[in-house]
Protein backbone atom coordinates (compact mmCIF):
# COMPACT_ATOMS: atom_id res chain seq x y z
CA MET A 1 84.45 -15.02 -88.76
CA SER A 2 83.55 -19.08 -89.93
CA LYS A 3 80.46 -20.35 -90.91
CA GLU A 4 79.92 -22.34 -88.06
CA GLU A 5 81.08 -19.12 -85.40
CA ASN A 6 77.88 -17.72 -86.91
CA LYS A 7 75.52 -20.22 -87.20
CA LYS A 8 76.69 -20.76 -82.64
CA ALA A 9 76.64 -16.94 -83.16
CA GLU A 10 72.96 -17.21 -84.17
CA ASP A 11 71.94 -20.33 -82.99
CA GLU A 12 72.71 -18.63 -79.01
CA GLU A 13 70.57 -14.90 -79.91
CA VAL A 14 67.71 -17.40 -81.16
CA GLN A 15 67.84 -18.77 -77.88
CA ASN A 16 68.53 -15.83 -75.68
CA ALA A 17 65.32 -14.53 -77.97
CA GLU A 18 63.10 -17.98 -76.61
CA VAL A 19 64.27 -17.53 -72.75
CA LYS A 20 63.25 -13.64 -72.76
CA GLU A 21 60.62 -14.03 -74.09
CA SER A 22 58.86 -17.26 -71.86
CA ALA A 23 59.59 -14.36 -69.46
CA GLU A 24 57.32 -11.76 -70.46
CA ALA A 25 55.72 -14.32 -70.59
CA THR A 26 55.36 -16.08 -67.09
CA GLU A 27 55.90 -11.63 -65.26
CA THR A 28 52.96 -11.13 -67.64
CA GLU A 29 50.86 -14.77 -66.88
CA GLU A 30 51.88 -13.14 -62.81
CA LYS A 31 49.86 -9.71 -63.05
CA THR A 32 47.21 -11.40 -64.81
CA GLU A 33 46.97 -13.80 -61.90
CA ALA A 34 48.14 -10.58 -59.21
CA THR A 35 45.54 -8.28 -60.84
CA ASP A 36 42.82 -11.00 -61.20
CA GLY A 37 43.03 -11.70 -57.27
CA GLU A 38 42.79 -8.28 -56.52
CA ALA A 39 39.77 -7.70 -58.29
CA GLY A 40 38.25 -10.29 -56.65
CA ALA A 41 39.25 -9.20 -52.83
CA GLU A 42 37.39 -5.82 -53.79
CA SER A 43 34.98 -7.87 -55.30
CA ALA A 44 34.45 -9.70 -51.91
CA GLU A 45 35.03 -6.74 -49.96
CA ALA A 46 31.80 -4.64 -52.85
CA GLU A 47 29.99 -6.96 -51.22
CA ASP A 48 30.53 -6.95 -47.54
CA THR A 49 29.78 -3.37 -47.74
CA GLU A 50 26.67 -3.93 -49.48
CA PRO A 51 24.12 -2.30 -47.25
CA LYS A 52 21.41 -5.50 -45.67
CA SER A 53 17.87 -4.86 -46.99
CA GLU A 54 15.19 -3.94 -45.34
CA LEU A 55 13.95 -7.93 -44.28
CA GLU A 56 17.43 -8.36 -42.36
CA LEU A 57 17.05 -5.28 -40.69
CA ALA A 58 13.81 -6.46 -39.91
CA GLN A 59 14.71 -9.06 -38.84
CA GLU A 60 18.00 -8.37 -36.90
CA LYS A 61 16.01 -5.86 -35.39
CA ILE A 62 13.25 -8.88 -34.01
CA ALA A 63 15.63 -10.57 -32.45
CA GLN A 64 16.65 -7.78 -30.46
CA LEU A 65 12.94 -6.60 -28.84
CA GLU A 66 12.78 -11.03 -28.48
CA ALA A 67 16.20 -11.15 -26.68
CA GLU A 68 14.89 -8.12 -24.38
CA ASN A 69 11.16 -9.49 -23.76
CA ALA A 70 13.11 -12.45 -22.51
CA ASP A 71 15.85 -11.01 -20.20
CA LEU A 72 12.40 -8.81 -18.85
CA LYS A 73 10.11 -11.64 -18.21
CA ASN A 74 12.30 -13.10 -16.48
CA GLN A 75 12.61 -9.84 -14.36
CA VAL A 76 9.36 -10.04 -13.46
CA LEU A 77 9.46 -13.01 -12.11
CA ARG A 78 12.22 -13.06 -9.99
CA ARG A 79 10.61 -10.19 -8.23
CA ALA A 80 7.36 -11.30 -8.50
CA ALA A 81 8.94 -14.34 -6.55
CA ASP A 82 10.73 -12.39 -4.42
CA PHE A 83 7.57 -9.83 -3.90
CA ASP A 84 5.85 -13.28 -2.76
CA ASN A 85 8.14 -14.40 -0.34
CA TYR A 86 8.62 -10.97 1.09
CA ARG A 87 4.36 -11.41 1.96
CA LYS A 88 4.63 -14.50 3.29
CA ARG A 89 7.68 -13.59 5.54
CA SER A 90 5.36 -10.48 6.22
CA ILE A 91 2.20 -12.34 7.41
CA GLN A 92 4.29 -14.81 9.77
CA GLU A 93 5.98 -12.13 11.25
CA LYS A 94 2.43 -9.96 12.75
CA GLN A 95 1.27 -13.30 13.02
CA ASP A 96 4.42 -14.64 15.40
CA ALA A 97 4.18 -10.60 17.17
CA PHE A 98 0.25 -11.81 17.44
CA ASP A 99 0.49 -15.20 19.40
CA TYR A 100 3.38 -14.31 21.37
CA ALA A 101 3.39 -10.25 22.18
CA ASN A 102 1.99 -11.19 26.19
CA THR A 103 5.02 -12.92 26.18
CA ASN A 104 6.90 -10.51 28.63
CA LEU A 105 4.72 -9.25 30.55
CA LEU A 106 2.41 -13.02 31.32
CA LYS A 107 6.96 -13.98 32.14
CA ASP A 108 6.05 -11.27 34.83
CA LEU A 109 3.19 -12.89 36.24
CA LEU A 110 4.72 -16.23 36.77
CA ASP A 111 6.89 -15.61 39.65
CA SER A 112 3.39 -13.47 41.60
CA LEU A 113 1.56 -17.35 40.37
CA ASP A 114 4.30 -19.30 41.87
CA ASN A 115 3.31 -16.66 45.00
CA PHE A 116 -0.07 -17.84 45.70
CA ASP A 117 0.67 -21.17 45.06
CA ARG A 118 2.96 -21.00 47.83
CA THR A 119 0.38 -19.56 49.70
CA ILE A 120 -1.92 -21.87 48.98
CA GLU A 121 0.06 -24.54 50.17
CA ALA A 122 1.14 -22.84 53.58
CA ALA A 123 -2.22 -22.42 54.10
CA ALA A 124 -3.62 -26.55 54.03
CA THR A 125 -1.69 -26.42 57.10
CA ALA A 126 -1.56 -22.81 58.62
CA THR A 127 -2.75 -21.82 62.69
CA ASP A 128 -2.55 -18.34 62.18
CA PRO A 129 -5.71 -16.76 59.33
CA LYS A 130 -3.39 -13.30 60.06
CA THR A 131 -0.07 -14.91 58.12
CA ILE A 132 -1.96 -16.28 55.33
CA ALA A 133 -3.75 -12.86 54.80
CA ASP A 134 -0.95 -11.32 55.15
CA GLY A 135 0.72 -12.90 51.92
CA ILE A 136 -1.56 -13.17 50.11
CA ALA A 137 -1.67 -9.05 51.33
CA MET A 138 1.60 -9.04 49.76
CA ILE A 139 1.67 -10.58 46.43
CA ASN A 140 -1.01 -7.74 45.73
CA LYS A 141 1.30 -5.44 46.34
CA ASN A 142 4.05 -6.85 44.86
CA LEU A 143 1.90 -7.46 41.31
CA ILE A 144 0.11 -4.34 41.61
CA SER A 145 4.08 -2.47 41.37
CA MET A 146 5.48 -4.42 38.89
CA LEU A 147 2.04 -3.95 36.09
CA GLU A 148 2.76 -0.04 37.00
CA ASN A 149 6.81 0.65 37.00
CA LYS A 150 7.21 -2.13 33.83
CA TYR A 151 3.86 -1.58 32.44
CA ASN A 152 2.30 1.83 32.93
CA LEU A 153 -0.94 -0.12 34.30
CA VAL A 154 -2.88 2.18 36.41
CA SER A 155 -5.18 1.74 38.57
CA PHE A 156 -7.93 4.55 39.55
CA GLY A 157 -11.32 4.95 41.33
CA ALA A 158 -11.66 5.79 44.82
CA GLU A 159 -14.51 6.54 47.08
CA GLY A 160 -15.18 10.84 47.52
CA ASP A 161 -13.56 11.04 44.25
CA ALA A 162 -15.20 13.41 41.09
CA PHE A 163 -17.64 11.69 39.59
CA ASP A 164 -16.10 11.23 35.69
CA PRO A 165 -18.45 9.75 33.20
CA ASP A 166 -15.38 8.91 30.44
CA ILE A 167 -13.79 6.51 33.31
CA HIS A 168 -16.40 5.68 35.71
CA GLU A 169 -19.27 3.65 35.32
CA ALA A 170 -22.82 4.21 37.13
CA ILE A 171 -24.60 1.74 38.29
CA GLY A 172 -26.22 3.11 41.13
CA SER A 173 -27.13 6.07 42.85
CA SER A 174 -28.48 8.34 45.39
CA GLN A 175 -29.30 11.84 46.47
CA ASP A 176 -26.47 13.39 49.40
CA ASP A 177 -25.45 16.27 50.61
CA VAL A 178 -23.06 17.09 47.80
CA ALA A 179 -21.94 19.59 45.90
CA GLU A 180 -21.28 17.52 43.00
CA PRO A 181 -21.39 14.13 41.77
CA VAL A 182 -18.65 12.40 43.48
CA LEU A 183 -17.93 8.32 43.99
CA LYS A 184 -19.72 6.87 47.04
CA VAL A 185 -18.77 3.28 46.45
CA VAL A 186 -16.39 1.78 43.98
CA TYR A 187 -17.77 -2.45 42.79
CA LEU A 188 -14.28 -1.39 40.78
CA LYS A 189 -12.19 -0.06 40.34
CA GLY A 190 -9.77 1.33 36.70
CA TYR A 191 -7.05 0.88 34.77
CA LYS A 192 -5.50 2.54 32.63
CA LEU A 193 -3.15 1.45 29.73
CA LYS A 194 -1.02 5.12 30.51
CA ASP A 195 -3.30 7.19 28.71
CA ARG A 196 -6.04 4.59 27.11
CA VAL A 197 -9.39 3.75 30.05
CA ILE A 198 -8.44 -0.66 29.71
CA ARG A 199 -11.75 -0.50 32.25
CA HIS A 200 -13.89 1.47 33.54
CA ALA A 201 -14.60 2.34 37.08
CA LYS A 202 -18.23 0.75 38.52
CA VAL A 203 -19.76 2.66 40.77
CA MET A 204 -22.09 4.14 42.93
CA VAL A 205 -22.81 7.82 42.78
CA SER A 206 -23.46 10.55 45.41
CA MET A 207 -25.48 12.95 43.41
CA PRO A 208 -26.71 16.84 45.26
CA LYS A 209 -29.48 16.75 46.47
């Protein structure tokens, strides 16, 4: 082999060695960067998983309690508003029930009032008093029937009935031939609503001698 060829071969070997060294240097550098990156990531993860301090935990607990407290306050306010509306509505309903409790009774009495108006008008030109008396008696009968059948209003107190101080109010008495106290005169009949006395009968009582 000639000197030129030897020199050329040596140059190529040198050149190949330089390329190889450069490649190895680059590879080493990349490995170093990768290692540094992994170390940084591990460090970041370590920082992320680092236990929270007592102050941080306390602050989080306070924030949670404040949120719960605000929610409870809202619930209390809503319930208070609902209760106040319910109370007002109940008061109004009770007042309406009291104000209009007698509506049905008064509506039923209107027929009797109308009949009395007609009787009064007829009395102005009537020539037979008996006709007027019969009309009034009919109105009275219908009114009593309506009150008894629809409203359970019952009258009591008739001459000869046994005297009962629980339902009769004696406003006078006389000594008579009777075995027990009885009603001699009934000045005002008494009335019961179902089983409750709403007006005592006012009577004169015959007492045994």
